[in-house]
Amino acid sequence: MKISISTQDLKSAVALASNTLGAASDITSHFVFVKDGNGASVMSCSLPRTFSKVPLIGAQVTGEGSFTVEGKRLIQMLGAITGVVNIEMGEDKNVKFTLPNGQLALTSLDPDSFPSWLARATGAVKETKVSASILFDTFNSLKSYVCTEESRQELAQLYVDSGKAYACDGFGMSVARSDSLNSLSLKIHTKDISPLLKFLKNKEADQVEVLKGEQSSFFKAEDGSIFGVMDISSKYPQTILSYAEAFEWVPHRVWGVKKSSLSTAIKFLRAGADKDDLKVTFTDEGDMLPLKLSMRPSNGKGDMSYNLSSASIENPDQDLELFTSPDEKMFIERSRKGLTEESFDSFSFNYQYMTRAMESIPSDNIFIGCNKEGNKGYMVFKVLQDSGVETVSVVGWMV
C-alpha cells in the first residue's frame, strides 16, 4: 500500500488517533495504517481499554496491505514538515516517508499482532445516534465527580442508563439527563473519559452512532472515525440512582453569588490559610450585609474573610414556569416559599469540591442550594447546558 497525503491532513488524523496511543514497548506504541475501502485509516489502542480508528481524509491510496509506525517518531517528524508526503512500505520492511526535500525510514512491526479492536468495531451493532455536543456536555459535566480510585471499581466509572448519566466519588455526586440518552446503556472507566471527550470535542458538529460490540462500545462519527472502549464488569451502586430525584428538590435555603467573586475569594483566603486546610465557611449575616467567605488563618490569629458579590436575575417577578435555567428557578422558588424550619445562615465546605462544581457551571451566576440534616448538610447545584443537557450535583458539607 502506498499513501500520498498532505502533511496537514495526516497531522489532523494522527492528532486524533494519538488520544489512544499506548505507552508500552510493543505494537500499542505504534500507529497502524490499514487499507479502508478506497482509502486508508490510521489506528491506535491503549490496552486494555481504548481504541481509535481515523480515516486519512484527502489521501490517495494505491495497492493493498498494512503497516505500523512508531507513534512518537511519527509525531516528531510531522512537527518538522509541510507539503505532500508519500508513505510506502519498502522491501526491507521499513516504512519510507518521501518529500520533495527529504526521505525518512521508520521501523514497522507486524500489523497482524495489533489487538482485535478492528474486528470488534466491524461487528458492532448500532444502538442509537446522539449529537456529539450532547454526549460531550453530558460526560464533561460529570467528569470531575467520577471516582479516580481504581480500587473502588464500582465508582471508578461514569454510568449511563434510561436517559440519565451518573457519577459519584463518595463525597459528591452528579446526575445529567437528556431525552437523547434514552436508548443508551454505557459504563465508561474513569481513565477513558478524557480521551473520549477529546474525540467528541473534535466531532462536536456530528451526529455520533453508538454501537455495541463484543465486550465493548464504540462511538462512530460521520466521517467514519471511531472511538472504542472496553466494557466494565463492576456493577454500579443502585443506591446512587435514587439521587435523580434531586432534579426536583427545592432546598431549604438558596443563595446566589457571582462565580468570579467566589473564585477570587477562595484564592484570596487560601493565601493566608494552612496549605492542608480545605475548610471554607459561608456566612449570611442578613439582608443589609454582603454574603461572606472565611477561613482559619494559618497562624490561628486574626480574621480572614472576603465579601461576595450577589448573583442577579433579570426578571425575578415573572411566572416561575417561564424560567428556563433550573438554578434560577430553584432560587426564585425557594425565595417565594420563604424560610423553612430548617433555616440556617452558615455552613462549611471543602473548597476543592466547590471548585469542582464551579467548573461545570457555564454562567457567572452560581446558585447554591443547601439542605440541613442535623449538624450535617449538603449543597445542591443545578445547571442547564447550551445543548439542553441538564445536570444536578450534590456535594456534602464539612462539619
Protein backbone atom coordinates (compact mmCIF):
# COMPACT_ATOMS: atom_id res chain seq x y z
CA MET A 1 0.00 0.00 0.00
CA LYS A 2 1.20 3.47 -0.93
CA ILE A 3 -0.32 6.62 0.58
CA SER A 4 0.04 10.17 -0.74
CA ILE A 5 -1.37 12.81 1.60
CA SER A 6 -0.82 16.39 2.70
CA THR A 7 1.06 16.66 5.97
CA GLN A 8 -1.75 18.82 7.40
CA ASP A 9 -4.35 16.09 6.78
CA LEU A 10 -2.00 13.47 8.19
CA LYS A 11 -1.33 15.62 11.27
CA SER A 12 -5.07 16.02 11.89
CA ALA A 13 -5.67 12.27 11.73
CA VAL A 14 -2.65 11.40 13.85
CA ALA A 15 -3.54 14.05 16.46
CA LEU A 16 -6.96 12.45 16.95
CA ALA A 17 -5.59 8.90 16.97
CA SER A 18 -2.87 9.88 19.46
CA ASN A 19 -5.53 10.17 22.20
CA THR A 20 -5.43 6.37 22.49
CA LEU A 21 -1.79 5.73 21.65
CA GLY A 22 -0.26 3.26 24.11
CA ALA A 23 2.93 3.78 26.09
CA ALA A 24 4.20 0.19 26.31
CA SER A 25 7.19 -1.01 24.29
CA ASP A 26 5.08 -3.05 21.88
CA ILE A 27 2.73 -2.51 18.97
CA THR A 28 0.41 -0.36 21.11
CA SER A 29 3.07 2.37 20.90
CA HIS A 30 2.69 2.29 17.10
CA PHE A 31 0.10 3.76 14.77
CA VAL A 32 -1.29 1.12 12.41
CA PHE A 33 -2.09 2.16 8.84
CA VAL A 34 -4.70 -0.01 7.10
CA LYS A 35 -6.50 -0.05 3.74
CA ASP A 36 -10.05 1.19 4.29
CA GLY A 37 -12.24 0.81 1.18
CA ASN A 38 -10.68 3.02 -1.48
CA GLY A 39 -8.80 4.99 1.15
CA ALA A 40 -6.84 4.30 4.32
CA SER A 41 -7.15 4.82 8.06
CA VAL A 42 -4.79 5.09 11.00
CA MET A 43 -5.48 3.10 14.18
CA SER A 44 -4.15 3.11 17.73
CA CYS A 45 -5.01 1.49 21.04
CA SER A 46 -4.07 1.73 24.68
CA LEU A 47 -4.57 -1.61 26.39
CA PRO A 48 -6.76 -2.76 27.84
CA ARG A 49 -9.41 -0.10 27.40
CA THR A 50 -9.39 2.30 24.42
CA PHE A 51 -9.13 2.29 20.62
CA SER A 52 -9.26 4.81 17.76
CA LYS A 53 -9.63 4.48 14.01
CA VAL A 54 -9.37 7.70 12.00
CA PRO A 55 -9.73 7.94 8.18
CA LEU A 56 -6.99 9.70 6.25
CA ILE A 57 -9.15 12.35 4.61
CA GLY A 58 -7.76 13.55 1.28
CA ALA A 59 -5.32 10.65 0.88
CA GLN A 60 -4.64 8.96 -2.43
CA VAL A 61 -4.15 5.26 -1.84
CA THR A 62 -2.87 2.56 -4.21
CA GLY A 63 -2.16 -1.09 -3.60
CA GLU A 64 -3.05 -3.27 -0.64
CA GLY A 65 -1.56 -4.12 2.72
CA SER A 66 -0.96 -2.50 6.09
CA PHE A 67 1.99 -1.37 8.23
CA THR A 68 2.83 0.27 11.55
CA VAL A 69 4.90 3.30 12.53
CA GLU A 70 6.25 4.17 15.97
CA GLY A 71 3.96 6.85 17.34
CA LYS A 72 6.44 9.22 18.98
CA ARG A 73 8.73 9.25 15.94
CA LEU A 74 5.87 9.91 13.54
CA ILE A 75 4.56 12.79 15.65
CA GLN A 76 8.08 14.25 15.89
CA MET A 77 8.55 14.02 12.13
CA LEU A 78 5.19 15.62 11.36
CA GLY A 79 6.13 18.58 13.53
CA ALA A 80 9.00 19.36 11.16
CA ILE A 81 7.50 19.01 7.67
CA THR A 82 4.95 20.60 5.34
CA GLY A 83 3.60 19.81 1.89
CA VAL A 84 2.70 16.42 0.45
CA VAL A 85 4.28 13.25 1.82
CA ASN A 86 4.35 9.80 0.18
CA ILE A 87 4.29 6.81 2.53
CA GLU A 88 5.17 3.28 1.43
CA MET A 89 6.37 0.02 2.92
CA GLY A 90 9.77 -0.86 1.50
CA GLU A 91 11.15 -4.29 0.67
CA ASP A 92 13.31 -4.02 3.80
CA LYS A 93 10.10 -3.87 5.90
CA ASN A 94 10.76 -0.25 6.83
CA VAL A 95 8.19 2.45 6.11
CA LYS A 96 9.55 5.20 3.86
CA PHE A 97 8.34 8.81 4.04
CA THR A 98 9.29 10.75 0.92
CA LEU A 99 9.05 14.53 0.49
CA PRO A 100 10.45 16.80 -2.24
CA ASN A 101 13.36 17.72 0.04
CA GLY A 102 13.96 14.56 2.02
CA GLN A 103 13.36 10.94 2.87
CA LEU A 104 12.99 9.11 6.18
CA ALA A 105 12.54 5.42 7.03
CA LEU A 106 10.90 4.15 10.23
CA THR A 107 10.64 0.61 11.54
CA SER A 108 7.37 -1.29 11.12
CA LEU A 109 6.08 -4.09 13.34
CA ASP A 110 3.75 -6.89 12.28
CA PRO A 111 0.29 -5.24 11.95
CA ASP A 112 -1.37 -8.64 12.42
CA SER A 113 -0.25 -8.56 16.07
CA PHE A 114 -2.42 -5.47 16.70
CA PRO A 115 -5.23 -6.32 19.17
CA SER A 116 -8.55 -7.37 17.63
CA TRP A 117 -10.24 -3.98 18.04
CA LEU A 118 -10.99 -3.58 14.31
CA ALA A 119 -12.86 -6.88 14.17
CA ARG A 120 -14.90 -5.84 17.23
CA ALA A 121 -15.72 -2.46 15.66
CA THR A 122 -16.67 -4.04 12.32
CA GLY A 123 -19.04 -6.47 14.03
CA ALA A 124 -20.58 -3.89 16.38
CA VAL A 125 -24.33 -3.24 16.20
CA LYS A 126 -25.81 0.25 16.15
CA GLU A 127 -27.59 1.09 19.40
CA THR A 128 -28.57 4.71 18.78
CA LYS A 129 -27.42 8.02 17.29
CA VAL A 130 -26.71 11.04 19.51
CA SER A 131 -25.39 14.55 18.94
CA ALA A 132 -21.69 14.71 19.81
CA SER A 133 -22.31 18.00 21.62
CA ILE A 134 -24.90 16.35 23.88
CA LEU A 135 -22.53 13.48 24.67
CA PHE A 136 -19.69 15.94 25.31
CA ASP A 137 -21.76 18.14 27.63
CA THR A 138 -23.06 15.10 29.50
CA PHE A 139 -19.68 13.47 30.09
CA ASN A 140 -17.79 16.73 30.63
CA SER A 141 -20.25 17.97 33.27
CA LEU A 142 -19.84 14.73 35.25
CA LYS A 143 -16.12 14.15 34.72
CA SER A 144 -14.91 15.78 37.95
CA TYR A 145 -17.38 13.73 40.04
CA VAL A 146 -16.18 10.30 38.87
CA CYS A 147 -14.09 8.44 41.44
CA THR A 148 -10.43 8.26 40.39
CA GLU A 149 -9.50 5.45 42.82
CA GLU A 150 -9.39 2.27 40.77
CA SER A 151 -9.60 0.24 43.98
CA ARG A 152 -13.23 1.41 44.13
CA GLN A 153 -14.14 -0.16 40.80
CA GLU A 154 -17.88 0.24 41.34
CA LEU A 155 -17.44 4.06 41.46
CA ALA A 156 -14.49 4.46 39.06
CA GLN A 157 -16.85 4.77 36.11
CA LEU A 158 -19.40 7.05 34.51
CA TYR A 159 -22.73 5.22 34.25
CA VAL A 160 -25.43 5.90 31.65
CA ASP A 161 -28.88 4.30 31.72
CA SER A 162 -32.52 5.21 30.94
CA GLY A 163 -31.85 8.78 29.83
CA LYS A 164 -29.57 9.73 32.69
CA ALA A 165 -25.83 9.66 33.41
CA TYR A 166 -24.35 9.30 36.91
CA ALA A 167 -21.02 9.99 38.59
CA CYS A 168 -20.05 9.68 42.26
CA ASP A 169 -16.83 9.53 44.27
CA GLY A 170 -18.34 9.01 47.73
CA PHE A 171 -18.13 12.70 48.73
CA GLY A 172 -20.13 14.29 45.93
CA MET A 173 -22.21 13.11 43.02
CA SER A 174 -23.83 14.43 39.87
CA VAL A 175 -26.60 13.35 37.51
CA ALA A 176 -27.16 14.53 33.92
CA ARG A 177 -30.31 13.97 31.89
CA SER A 178 -31.38 14.36 28.28
CA ASP A 179 -34.03 12.62 26.18
CA SER A 180 -31.25 11.89 23.66
CA LEU A 181 -29.73 9.46 26.18
CA ASN A 182 -32.88 7.32 26.49
CA SER A 183 -31.58 4.46 24.34
CA LEU A 184 -28.06 4.44 25.80
CA SER A 185 -26.56 1.97 28.25
CA LEU A 186 -22.87 2.67 28.96
CA LYS A 187 -20.20 2.31 31.62
CA ILE A 188 -17.07 4.39 30.93
CA HIS A 189 -13.94 3.91 33.01
CA THR A 190 -12.58 6.98 34.80
CA LYS A 191 -9.36 6.88 32.74
CA ASP A 192 -11.26 6.70 29.44
CA ILE A 193 -13.32 9.86 29.92
CA SER A 194 -10.64 12.41 28.94
CA PRO A 195 -9.66 10.77 25.61
CA LEU A 196 -13.34 10.23 24.78
CA LEU A 197 -14.04 13.93 25.47
CA LYS A 198 -11.24 14.91 23.08
CA PHE A 199 -12.79 12.71 20.40
CA LEU A 200 -16.28 14.16 20.94
CA LYS A 201 -14.97 17.74 21.01
CA ASN A 202 -13.27 17.15 17.66
CA LYS A 203 -16.58 15.89 16.23
CA GLU A 204 -18.90 18.33 18.05
CA ALA A 205 -20.92 19.15 14.91
CA ASP A 206 -21.58 15.45 14.16
CA GLN A 207 -24.32 13.00 14.95
CA VAL A 208 -22.44 10.11 16.54
CA GLU A 209 -23.53 6.49 16.22
CA VAL A 210 -23.16 4.49 19.42
CA LEU A 211 -22.53 0.81 18.70
CA LYS A 212 -22.30 -2.29 20.88
CA GLY A 213 -19.59 -4.82 20.10
CA GLU A 214 -18.17 -7.86 21.81
CA GLN A 215 -17.44 -6.68 25.38
CA SER A 216 -17.01 -3.17 24.02
CA SER A 217 -18.77 0.02 22.93
CA PHE A 218 -17.94 2.32 20.02
CA PHE A 219 -18.62 5.93 19.06
CA LYS A 220 -18.64 6.44 15.29
CA ALA A 221 -18.52 9.94 13.76
CA GLU A 222 -19.92 10.94 10.37
CA ASP A 223 -16.51 10.74 8.64
CA GLY A 224 -16.03 7.15 9.85
CA SER A 225 -13.77 7.99 12.80
CA ILE A 226 -14.27 5.52 15.65
CA PHE A 227 -13.50 5.65 19.36
CA GLY A 228 -13.84 2.39 21.29
CA VAL A 229 -13.94 1.47 24.99
CA MET A 230 -13.98 -1.88 26.73
CA ASP A 231 -16.98 -2.82 28.87
CA ILE A 232 -16.67 -2.67 32.66
CA SER A 233 -17.78 -5.68 34.68
CA SER A 234 -18.26 -3.86 38.01
CA LYS A 235 -21.89 -3.20 38.87
CA TYR A 236 -22.80 0.43 39.51
CA PRO A 237 -24.31 1.04 43.01
CA GLN A 238 -28.07 1.20 42.57
CA THR A 239 -28.49 3.48 45.62
CA ILE A 240 -26.89 6.32 43.63
CA LEU A 241 -29.64 6.15 41.01
CA SER A 242 -32.17 7.45 43.55
CA TYR A 243 -30.39 10.82 43.53
CA ALA A 244 -32.01 11.55 40.17
CA GLU A 245 -34.83 12.88 42.39
CA ALA A 246 -32.56 15.85 43.14
CA PHE A 247 -33.67 17.47 39.86
CA GLU A 248 -36.98 18.22 41.61
CA TRP A 249 -35.60 19.23 45.01
CA VAL A 250 -36.30 22.71 46.39
CA PRO A 251 -33.56 23.08 49.05
CA HIS A 252 -34.14 24.64 52.49
CA ARG A 253 -32.05 27.70 51.53
CA VAL A 254 -30.68 29.00 48.22
CA TRP A 255 -28.05 31.71 47.74
CA GLY A 256 -26.88 33.32 44.53
CA VAL A 257 -23.31 34.59 44.07
CA LYS A 258 -21.08 35.66 41.21
CA LYS A 259 -18.74 32.86 40.16
CA SER A 260 -15.90 35.32 39.60
CA SER A 261 -16.15 36.70 43.14
CA LEU A 262 -16.45 33.19 44.63
CA SER A 263 -13.33 32.06 42.75
CA THR A 264 -11.42 35.19 43.82
CA ALA A 265 -12.50 34.75 47.44
CA ILE A 266 -11.25 31.14 47.59
CA LYS A 267 -7.89 32.07 46.02
CA PHE A 268 -7.54 35.07 48.36
CA LEU A 269 -8.29 33.11 51.54
CA ARG A 270 -6.07 30.16 50.59
CA ALA A 271 -3.09 32.54 50.55
CA GLY A 272 -3.43 33.03 54.32
CA ALA A 273 -4.60 29.56 55.33
CA ASP A 274 -2.64 26.42 56.12
CA LYS A 275 -1.91 24.50 52.91
CA ASP A 276 -3.64 21.40 54.30
CA ASP A 277 -6.73 23.31 55.44
CA LEU A 278 -9.55 22.76 52.93
CA LYS A 279 -12.40 24.14 55.03
CA VAL A 280 -14.15 27.34 53.92
CA THR A 281 -17.16 28.79 55.77
CA PHE A 282 -20.02 30.59 54.02
CA THR A 283 -21.99 33.07 56.15
CA ASP A 284 -25.16 35.10 55.54
CA GLU A 285 -25.36 37.86 58.19
CA GLY A 286 -28.63 39.32 56.94
CA ASP A 287 -30.14 41.42 54.16
CA MET A 288 -28.13 44.54 54.96
CA LEU A 289 -24.73 42.81 54.86
CA PRO A 290 -22.94 41.02 52.00
CA LEU A 291 -22.52 37.26 51.87
CA LYS A 292 -19.10 36.26 53.18
CA LEU A 293 -16.50 33.51 52.95
CA SER A 294 -13.97 32.91 55.72
CA MET A 295 -11.11 30.55 56.58
CA ARG A 296 -8.97 29.92 59.63
CA PRO A 297 -5.61 31.78 59.45
CA SER A 298 -2.53 29.56 59.30
CA ASN A 299 -1.16 31.17 62.50
CA GLY A 300 -4.53 30.93 64.25
CA LYS A 301 -4.72 34.67 64.82
CA GLY A 302 -6.96 37.38 63.41
CA ASP A 303 -9.79 37.09 60.90
CA MET A 304 -9.70 36.03 57.24
CA SER A 305 -12.81 36.81 55.25
CA TYR A 306 -13.91 38.05 51.83
CA ASN A 307 -17.22 39.62 50.81
CA LEU A 308 -19.01 38.07 47.84
CA SER A 309 -20.93 39.73 45.03
CA SER A 310 -24.52 38.53 44.78
CA ALA A 311 -25.92 36.98 41.60
CA SER A 312 -28.53 38.89 39.65
CA ILE A 313 -31.69 37.70 37.85
CA GLU A 314 -33.16 39.85 35.08
CA ASN A 315 -36.87 39.23 35.72
CA PRO A 316 -37.31 37.80 39.23
CA ASP A 317 -41.05 38.59 39.29
CA GLN A 318 -42.02 36.64 36.16
CA ASP A 319 -44.00 33.40 36.32
CA LEU A 320 -41.96 30.50 37.66
CA GLU A 321 -42.75 28.41 34.58
CA LEU A 322 -41.00 30.98 32.37
CA PHE A 323 -37.59 30.41 33.96
CA THR A 324 -35.55 28.18 31.65
CA SER A 325 -32.50 27.88 33.91
CA PRO A 326 -33.13 25.31 36.65
CA ASP A 327 -30.73 27.08 39.03
CA GLU A 328 -32.57 30.39 38.74
CA LYS A 329 -35.88 28.57 39.13
CA MET A 330 -34.56 26.87 42.28
CA PHE A 331 -33.55 30.26 43.72
CA ILE A 332 -36.86 32.00 42.90
CA GLU A 333 -38.98 29.08 44.09
CA ARG A 334 -37.23 28.98 47.44
CA SER A 335 -37.36 32.77 47.80
CA ARG A 336 -41.12 32.77 47.26
CA LYS A 337 -41.68 29.97 49.74
CA GLY A 338 -39.68 31.83 52.40
CA LEU A 339 -37.50 30.36 55.13
CA THR A 340 -38.27 26.89 56.47
CA GLU A 341 -37.97 25.33 59.90
CA GLU A 342 -34.55 24.14 58.78
CA SER A 343 -33.37 27.74 58.32
CA PHE A 344 -29.67 28.40 58.86
CA ASP A 345 -27.24 31.14 57.92
CA SER A 346 -23.86 29.40 57.76
CA PHE A 347 -22.24 26.22 56.51
CA SER A 348 -18.73 24.98 55.64
CA PHE A 349 -17.46 23.20 52.55
CA ASN A 350 -14.30 21.74 51.04
CA TYR A 351 -13.04 24.39 48.62
CA GLN A 352 -11.74 21.73 46.23
CA TYR A 353 -15.27 20.37 45.85
CA MET A 354 -16.70 23.84 45.38
CA THR A 355 -14.11 24.48 42.66
CA ARG A 356 -15.13 21.21 41.03
CA ALA A 357 -18.77 22.28 40.99
CA MET A 358 -17.86 25.69 39.55
CA GLU A 359 -16.05 24.07 36.61
CA SER A 360 -19.31 22.61 35.30
CA ILE A 361 -21.29 25.87 35.61
CA PRO A 362 -21.08 27.96 32.40
CA SER A 363 -22.82 31.06 33.82
CA ASP A 364 -21.19 33.71 36.02
CA ASN A 365 -24.14 33.26 38.36
CA ILE A 366 -23.88 30.38 40.83
CA PHE A 367 -26.94 29.40 42.83
CA ILE A 368 -26.12 27.27 45.87
CA GLY A 369 -28.99 25.31 47.33
CA CYS A 370 -28.48 23.83 50.79
CA ASN A 371 -30.30 21.24 52.86
CA LYS A 372 -29.55 20.72 56.54
CA GLU A 373 -29.88 17.38 58.30
CA GLY A 374 -28.95 17.74 61.97
CA ASN A 375 -25.39 19.08 62.12
CA LYS A 376 -24.72 17.85 58.59
CA GLY A 377 -25.92 19.06 55.23
CA TYR A 378 -25.16 19.30 51.55
CA MET A 379 -25.06 21.74 48.65
CA VAL A 380 -27.17 21.37 45.51
CA PHE A 381 -26.20 22.82 42.10
CA LYS A 382 -28.45 22.79 39.04
CA VAL A 383 -27.19 23.61 35.53
CA LEU A 384 -28.66 23.73 32.02
CA GLN A 385 -26.05 23.34 29.26
CA ASP A 386 -26.41 25.05 25.86
CA SER A 387 -27.02 21.64 24.28
CA GLY A 388 -30.06 21.11 26.52
CA VAL A 389 -28.33 18.68 28.88
CA GLU A 390 -29.48 19.34 32.45
CA THR A 391 -27.37 18.40 35.48
CA VAL A 392 -27.85 18.37 39.23
CA SER A 393 -24.92 17.93 41.62
CA VAL A 394 -24.96 17.17 45.35
CA VAL A 395 -21.87 17.90 47.47
CA GLY A 396 -21.60 17.26 51.23
CA TRP A 397 -20.75 19.94 53.79
CA MET A 398 -17.69 19.80 56.03
CA VAL A 399 -18.52 19.56 59.74
